[in-house]
């Protein structure tokens, strides 16, 4: 099997494993890991935009590195959220809940929201400075990340409970508001690019 085919098969297995795990009857991974996976997908989309912006923008290579770092961090959060929730459930079952265990179920979703906001910030940069033929993809990345932030914030609200003045909840809600504002600004951009859109895309795509 060619190397490219092996990589593709490995990626498919990892993706299917996560989706199968989320769909299973197991307690975790669940919504927190799902939100983190959406952020990872959004960051991966920005890597594509950056790669195809190299000939048009000198800032594309560092943008690609930033997108890759964000994707790796989001991928880490998929497992961090799973472990935090399982640890929480274990402590709950044996009656040994600690503040640290409970805090992890809040801190991980907040970090998902933070990472999502960094993806949106980079998406805005790529949408305005990168290849205009990929502007719609940059905006799509931001929309995906915004949805993940909203999900993560909801989880923080659920896990904080009655502590309505919790600083972590305030931060998550602030990130949600900032993400919504960024999406409104990105939506005002002209999404159609140049007439050479097709050559600017990766090979094999059926999109115009």
C-alpha atoms as a PDB file:
ATOM      1  CA  UNK A   1       0.000   0.000   0.000  1.00  0.00           C
ATOM      2  CA  UNK A   2       1.433   3.454  -0.923  1.00  0.00           C
ATOM      3  CA  UNK A   3       2.510   5.688   1.964  1.00  0.00           C
ATOM      4  CA  UNK A   4      -0.244   8.226   1.244  1.00  0.00           C
ATOM      5  CA  UNK A   5      -2.869   5.465   1.318  1.00  0.00           C
ATOM      6  CA  UNK A   6      -1.506   4.180   4.642  1.00  0.00           C
ATOM      7  CA  UNK A   7      -1.728   7.663   6.179  1.00  0.00           C
ATOM      8  CA  UNK A   8      -5.267   8.047   4.890  1.00  0.00           C
ATOM      9  CA  UNK A   9      -6.291   4.683   6.327  1.00  0.00           C
ATOM     10  CA  UNK A  10      -4.759   5.570   9.700  1.00  0.00           C
ATOM     11  CA  UNK A  11      -6.552   8.911   9.772  1.00  0.00           C
ATOM     12  CA  UNK A  12      -9.838   7.220   8.903  1.00  0.00           C
ATOM     13  CA  UNK A  13      -9.394   4.726  11.744  1.00  0.00           C
ATOM     14  CA  UNK A  14      -8.686   7.489  14.270  1.00  0.00           C
ATOM     15  CA  UNK A  15     -11.677   9.511  13.111  1.00  0.00           C
ATOM     16  CA  UNK A  16     -13.984   6.514  13.121  1.00  0.00           C
ATOM     17  CA  UNK A  17     -12.714   5.462  16.553  1.00  0.00           C
ATOM     18  CA  UNK A  18     -13.634   8.843  18.027  1.00  0.00           C
ATOM     19  CA  UNK A  19     -17.060   8.922  16.409  1.00  0.00           C
ATOM     20  CA  UNK A  20     -17.769   5.336  17.442  1.00  0.00           C
ATOM     21  CA  UNK A  21     -16.661   6.126  20.992  1.00  0.00           C
ATOM     22  CA  UNK A  22     -18.891   9.198  21.178  1.00  0.00           C
ATOM     23  CA  UNK A  23     -21.828   7.184  19.810  1.00  0.00           C
ATOM     24  CA  UNK A  24     -21.301   4.339  22.284  1.00  0.00           C
ATOM     25  CA  UNK A  25     -23.027   3.720  25.612  1.00  0.00           C
ATOM     26  CA  UNK A  26     -19.860   4.681  27.495  1.00  0.00           C
ATOM     27  CA  UNK A  27     -19.945   7.826  29.625  1.00  0.00           C
ATOM     28  CA  UNK A  28     -17.014   9.369  27.794  1.00  0.00           C
ATOM     29  CA  UNK A  29     -15.972  10.749  25.390  1.00  0.00           C
ATOM     30  CA  UNK A  30     -19.010  12.985  25.162  1.00  0.00           C
ATOM     31  CA  UNK A  31     -19.868  16.601  24.377  1.00  0.00           C
ATOM     32  CA  UNK A  32     -16.623  18.119  25.659  1.00  0.00           C
ATOM     33  CA  UNK A  33     -14.504  15.866  23.485  1.00  0.00           C
ATOM     34  CA  UNK A  34     -16.861  16.486  20.578  1.00  0.00           C
ATOM     35  CA  UNK A  35     -16.391  20.251  20.978  1.00  0.00           C
ATOM     36  CA  UNK A  36     -12.614  19.832  21.069  1.00  0.00           C
ATOM     37  CA  UNK A  37     -12.730  17.716  17.920  1.00  0.00           C
ATOM     38  CA  UNK A  38     -14.647  20.486  16.144  1.00  0.00           C
ATOM     39  CA  UNK A  39     -11.928  22.967  17.141  1.00  0.00           C
ATOM     40  CA  UNK A  40      -9.307  20.554  15.800  1.00  0.00           C
ATOM     41  CA  UNK A  41     -11.214  20.289  12.522  1.00  0.00           C
ATOM     42  CA  UNK A  42     -11.467  24.075  12.277  1.00  0.00           C
ATOM     43  CA  UNK A  43      -7.716  24.428  12.852  1.00  0.00           C
ATOM     44  CA  UNK A  44      -6.991  21.765  10.230  1.00  0.00           C
ATOM     45  CA  UNK A  45      -9.071  23.718   7.738  1.00  0.00           C
ATOM     46  CA  UNK A  46      -6.938  26.782   8.450  1.00  0.00           C
ATOM     47  CA  UNK A  47      -3.810  24.746   7.764  1.00  0.00           C
ATOM     48  CA  UNK A  48      -5.212  24.101   4.298  1.00  0.00           C
ATOM     49  CA  UNK A  49      -5.981  27.796   3.781  1.00  0.00           C
ATOM     50  CA  UNK A  50      -2.462  28.746   4.871  1.00  0.00           C
ATOM     51  CA  UNK A  51      -0.813  26.150   2.621  1.00  0.00           C
ATOM     52  CA  UNK A  52      -2.713  27.482  -0.377  1.00  0.00           C
ATOM     53  CA  UNK A  53      -1.906  31.084   0.538  1.00  0.00           C
ATOM     54  CA  UNK A  54       1.889  30.762   0.402  1.00  0.00           C
ATOM     55  CA  UNK A  55       2.207  32.316  -3.069  1.00  0.00           C
ATOM     56  CA  UNK A  56       0.036  35.290  -2.114  1.00  0.00           C
ATOM     57  CA  UNK A  57       1.022  36.135   1.477  1.00  0.00           C
ATOM     58  CA  UNK A  58       4.426  36.019   3.173  1.00  0.00           C
ATOM     59  CA  UNK A  59       2.703  35.419   6.510  1.00  0.00           C
ATOM     60  CA  UNK A  60       1.234  32.114   5.327  1.00  0.00           C
ATOM     61  CA  UNK A  61       4.031  29.791   6.586  1.00  0.00           C
ATOM     62  CA  UNK A  62       3.893  31.050  10.201  1.00  0.00           C
ATOM     63  CA  UNK A  63       0.097  31.022   9.988  1.00  0.00           C
ATOM     64  CA  UNK A  64       0.263  27.376   8.988  1.00  0.00           C
ATOM     65  CA  UNK A  65       2.497  26.599  11.963  1.00  0.00           C
ATOM     66  CA  UNK A  66       0.077  28.367  14.310  1.00  0.00           C
ATOM     67  CA  UNK A  67      -2.865  26.472  12.835  1.00  0.00           C
ATOM     68  CA  UNK A  68      -1.016  23.189  13.270  1.00  0.00           C
ATOM     69  CA  UNK A  69      -0.190  23.988  16.898  1.00  0.00           C
ATOM     70  CA  UNK A  70      -3.843  24.818  17.553  1.00  0.00           C
ATOM     71  CA  UNK A  71      -4.934  21.558  15.960  1.00  0.00           C
ATOM     72  CA  UNK A  72      -2.522  19.549  18.112  1.00  0.00           C
ATOM     73  CA  UNK A  73      -3.722  21.348  21.254  1.00  0.00           C
ATOM     74  CA  UNK A  74      -7.360  20.694  20.384  1.00  0.00           C
ATOM     75  CA  UNK A  75      -6.586  17.031  19.746  1.00  0.00           C
ATOM     76  CA  UNK A  76      -5.012  16.836  23.206  1.00  0.00           C
ATOM     77  CA  UNK A  77      -8.132  18.354  24.719  1.00  0.00           C
ATOM     78  CA  UNK A  78     -10.280  15.584  23.226  1.00  0.00           C
ATOM     79  CA  UNK A  79      -8.595  13.110  25.555  1.00  0.00           C
ATOM     80  CA  UNK A  80      -8.166  15.535  28.445  1.00  0.00           C
ATOM     81  CA  UNK A  81     -11.912  16.089  28.564  1.00  0.00           C
ATOM     82  CA  UNK A  82     -12.595  12.361  28.444  1.00  0.00           C
ATOM     83  CA  UNK A  83     -10.215  11.680  31.319  1.00  0.00           C
ATOM     84  CA  UNK A  84     -11.525  14.580  33.399  1.00  0.00           C
ATOM     85  CA  UNK A  85     -15.102  13.368  33.104  1.00  0.00           C
ATOM     86  CA  UNK A  86     -14.227   9.747  33.873  1.00  0.00           C
ATOM     87  CA  UNK A  87     -12.249  10.839  36.930  1.00  0.00           C
ATOM     88  CA  UNK A  88     -15.221  12.932  38.051  1.00  0.00           C
ATOM     89  CA  UNK A  89     -17.625  10.006  37.680  1.00  0.00           C
ATOM     90  CA  UNK A  90     -15.246   7.686  39.532  1.00  0.00           C
ATOM     91  CA  UNK A  91     -14.936  10.089  42.438  1.00  0.00           C
ATOM     92  CA  UNK A  92     -18.684  10.555  42.512  1.00  0.00           C
ATOM     93  CA  UNK A  93     -19.339   6.814  42.681  1.00  0.00           C
ATOM     94  CA  UNK A  94     -17.014   6.218  45.634  1.00  0.00           C
ATOM     95  CA  UNK A  95     -17.919   9.425  47.444  1.00  0.00           C
ATOM     96  CA  UNK A  96     -14.422  10.932  47.242  1.00  0.00           C
ATOM     97  CA  UNK A  97     -15.055  14.065  45.242  1.00  0.00           C
ATOM     98  CA  UNK A  98     -12.360  16.722  45.533  1.00  0.00           C
ATOM     99  CA  UNK A  99     -12.304  20.344  44.442  1.00  0.00           C
ATOM    100  CA  UNK A 100      -9.489  19.510  42.040  1.00  0.00           C
ATOM    101  CA  UNK A 101     -11.469  16.719  40.376  1.00  0.00           C
ATOM    102  CA  UNK A 102     -14.515  18.935  39.976  1.00  0.00           C
ATOM    103  CA  UNK A 103     -12.360  21.809  38.736  1.00  0.00           C
ATOM    104  CA  UNK A 104     -10.995  19.737  35.848  1.00  0.00           C
ATOM    105  CA  UNK A 105     -14.515  19.328  34.436  1.00  0.00           C
ATOM    106  CA  UNK A 106     -14.642  23.124  34.251  1.00  0.00           C
ATOM    107  CA  UNK A 107     -11.086  23.986  33.292  1.00  0.00           C
ATOM    108  CA  UNK A 108     -10.919  21.679  30.273  1.00  0.00           C
ATOM    109  CA  UNK A 109     -14.036  23.142  28.558  1.00  0.00           C
ATOM    110  CA  UNK A 110     -12.686  26.632  29.260  1.00  0.00           C
ATOM    111  CA  UNK A 111      -9.458  25.659  27.524  1.00  0.00           C
ATOM    112  CA  UNK A 112     -11.492  24.304  24.599  1.00  0.00           C
ATOM    113  CA  UNK A 113     -13.160  27.719  24.363  1.00  0.00           C
ATOM    114  CA  UNK A 114      -9.814  29.530  24.562  1.00  0.00           C
ATOM    115  CA  UNK A 115      -8.351  27.373  21.818  1.00  0.00           C
ATOM    116  CA  UNK A 116     -11.454  27.900  19.702  1.00  0.00           C
ATOM    117  CA  UNK A 117     -11.104  31.665  20.066  1.00  0.00           C
ATOM    118  CA  UNK A 118      -7.471  31.483  18.936  1.00  0.00           C
ATOM    119  CA  UNK A 119      -8.644  29.569  15.879  1.00  0.00           C
ATOM    120  CA  UNK A 120     -11.176  32.319  15.129  1.00  0.00           C
ATOM    121  CA  UNK A 121      -8.508  35.012  15.483  1.00  0.00           C
ATOM    122  CA  UNK A 122      -6.271  33.172  13.024  1.00  0.00           C
ATOM    123  CA  UNK A 123      -9.219  32.576  10.698  1.00  0.00           C
ATOM    124  CA  UNK A 124      -9.845  36.322  10.587  1.00  0.00           C
ATOM    125  CA  UNK A 125      -6.203  36.927   9.700  1.00  0.00           C
ATOM    126  CA  UNK A 126      -6.248  34.336   6.928  1.00  0.00           C
ATOM    127  CA  UNK A 127      -9.608  35.517   5.602  1.00  0.00           C
ATOM    128  CA  UNK A 128      -8.336  39.071   5.225  1.00  0.00           C
ATOM    129  CA  UNK A 129      -4.700  38.452   4.223  1.00  0.00           C
ATOM    130  CA  UNK A 130      -4.577  34.976   2.725  1.00  0.00           C
ATOM    131  CA  UNK A 131      -5.667  33.571  -0.611  1.00  0.00           C
ATOM    132  CA  UNK A 132      -9.075  35.153  -1.378  1.00  0.00           C
ATOM    133  CA  UNK A 133     -10.071  31.960  -3.173  1.00  0.00           C
ATOM    134  CA  UNK A 134      -9.999  30.226   0.232  1.00  0.00           C
ATOM    135  CA  UNK A 135     -11.752  32.996   2.157  1.00  0.00           C
ATOM    136  CA  UNK A 136     -14.955  30.962   2.496  1.00  0.00           C
ATOM    137  CA  UNK A 137     -12.935  28.142   4.051  1.00  0.00           C
ATOM    138  CA  UNK A 138     -11.384  30.515   6.586  1.00  0.00           C
ATOM    139  CA  UNK A 139     -14.837  31.815   7.501  1.00  0.00           C
ATOM    140  CA  UNK A 140     -16.155  28.242   7.728  1.00  0.00           C
ATOM    141  CA  UNK A 141     -13.339  27.449  10.151  1.00  0.00           C
ATOM    142  CA  UNK A 142     -14.347  30.374  12.346  1.00  0.00           C
ATOM    143  CA  UNK A 143     -18.004  29.310  12.320  1.00  0.00           C
ATOM    144  CA  UNK A 144     -17.041  25.787  13.367  1.00  0.00           C
ATOM    145  CA  UNK A 145     -14.844  27.105  16.179  1.00  0.00           C
ATOM    146  CA  UNK A 146     -17.596  29.468  17.324  1.00  0.00           C
ATOM    147  CA  UNK A 147     -20.024  26.568  17.631  1.00  0.00           C
ATOM    148  CA  UNK A 148     -17.473  24.655  19.699  1.00  0.00           C
ATOM    149  CA  UNK A 149     -16.998  27.657  21.982  1.00  0.00           C
ATOM    150  CA  UNK A 150     -20.760  27.870  22.540  1.00  0.00           C
ATOM    151  CA  UNK A 151     -20.819  24.168  23.419  1.00  0.00           C
ATOM    152  CA  UNK A 152     -17.850  24.473  25.779  1.00  0.00           C
ATOM    153  CA  UNK A 153     -19.413  27.472  27.512  1.00  0.00           C
ATOM    154  CA  UNK A 154     -22.641  25.545  28.024  1.00  0.00           C
ATOM    155  CA  UNK A 155     -20.631  22.752  29.663  1.00  0.00           C
ATOM    156  CA  UNK A 156     -18.894  25.233  31.953  1.00  0.00           C
ATOM    157  CA  UNK A 157     -22.300  26.588  32.966  1.00  0.00           C
ATOM    158  CA  UNK A 158     -23.542  23.069  33.689  1.00  0.00           C
ATOM    159  CA  UNK A 159     -20.461  22.074  35.690  1.00  0.00           C
ATOM    160  CA  UNK A 160     -20.131  25.299  37.668  1.00  0.00           C
ATOM    161  CA  UNK A 161     -23.693  24.903  38.928  1.00  0.00           C
ATOM    162  CA  UNK A 162     -24.897  27.515  41.385  1.00  0.00           C
ATOM    163  CA  UNK A 163     -21.547  29.343  41.486  1.00  0.00           C
ATOM    164  CA  UNK A 164     -22.831  31.974  39.087  1.00  0.00           C
ATOM    165  CA  UNK A 165     -19.997  34.400  39.901  1.00  0.00           C
ATOM    166  CA  UNK A 166     -17.299  31.887  39.012  1.00  0.00           C
ATOM    167  CA  UNK A 167     -14.444  33.580  37.118  1.00  0.00           C
ATOM    168  CA  UNK A 168     -14.112  30.617  34.734  1.00  0.00           C
ATOM    169  CA  UNK A 169     -17.744  30.936  33.713  1.00  0.00           C
ATOM    170  CA  UNK A 170     -17.296  34.676  33.195  1.00  0.00           C
ATOM    171  CA  UNK A 171     -14.296  34.002  30.950  1.00  0.00           C
ATOM    172  CA  UNK A 172     -16.154  31.393  28.908  1.00  0.00           C
ATOM    173  CA  UNK A 173     -19.116  33.708  28.388  1.00  0.00           C
ATOM    174  CA  UNK A 174     -16.765  36.519  27.368  1.00  0.00           C
ATOM    175  CA  UNK A 175     -15.108  34.224  24.808  1.00  0.00           C
ATOM    176  CA  UNK A 176     -18.546  33.370  23.427  1.00  0.00           C
ATOM    177  CA  UNK A 177     -19.433  37.047  23.009  1.00  0.00           C
ATOM    178  CA  UNK A 178     -16.102  37.786  21.348  1.00  0.00           C
ATOM    179  CA  UNK A 179     -16.522  34.800  19.024  1.00  0.00           C
ATOM    180  CA  UNK A 180     -19.993  35.967  18.003  1.00  0.00           C
ATOM    181  CA  UNK A 181     -18.624  39.436  17.258  1.00  0.00           C
ATOM    182  CA  UNK A 182     -15.838  37.986  15.145  1.00  0.00           C
ATOM    183  CA  UNK A 183     -18.304  35.901  13.147  1.00  0.00           C
ATOM    184  CA  UNK A 184     -20.408  38.988  12.426  1.00  0.00           C
ATOM    185  CA  UNK A 185     -17.342  40.821  11.113  1.00  0.00           C
ATOM    186  CA  UNK A 186     -16.238  37.871   9.008  1.00  0.00           C
ATOM    187  CA  UNK A 187     -19.731  37.493   7.577  1.00  0.00           C
ATOM    188  CA  UNK A 188     -19.455  41.010   6.180  1.00  0.00           C
ATOM    189  CA  UNK A 189     -16.492  40.018   3.987  1.00  0.00           C
ATOM    190  CA  UNK A 190     -16.892  39.249   0.310  1.00  0.00           C
ATOM    191  CA  UNK A 191     -16.582  35.474   0.226  1.00  0.00           C
ATOM    192  CA  UNK A 192     -16.058  34.936  -3.490  1.00  0.00           C
ATOM    193  CA  UNK A 193     -12.461  35.010  -4.614  1.00  0.00           C
ATOM    194  CA  UNK A 194     -10.702  35.295  -7.958  1.00  0.00           C
ATOM    195  CA  UNK A 195     -11.679  33.412 -11.101  1.00  0.00           C
ATOM    196  CA  UNK A 196      -8.761  31.020 -10.584  1.00  0.00           C
ATOM    197  CA  UNK A 197     -10.388  29.458  -7.518  1.00  0.00           C
ATOM    198  CA  UNK A 198     -10.179  25.873  -8.809  1.00  0.00           C
ATOM    199  CA  UNK A 199      -6.377  25.808  -9.350  1.00  0.00           C
ATOM    200  CA  UNK A 200      -5.889  27.264  -5.871  1.00  0.00           C
ATOM    201  CA  UNK A 201      -7.558  24.240  -4.294  1.00  0.00           C
ATOM    202  CA  UNK A 202      -6.039  20.879  -3.546  1.00  0.00           C
ATOM    203  CA  UNK A 203      -6.246  18.253  -6.246  1.00  0.00           C
ATOM    204  CA  UNK A 204      -9.271  16.023  -6.584  1.00  0.00           C
ATOM    205  CA  UNK A 205     -11.859  18.427  -5.222  1.00  0.00           C
ATOM    206  CA  UNK A 206     -15.212  18.639  -6.916  1.00  0.00           C
ATOM    207  CA  UNK A 207     -16.021  22.052  -5.551  1.00  0.00           C
ATOM    208  CA  UNK A 208     -15.877  24.981  -7.981  1.00  0.00           C
END
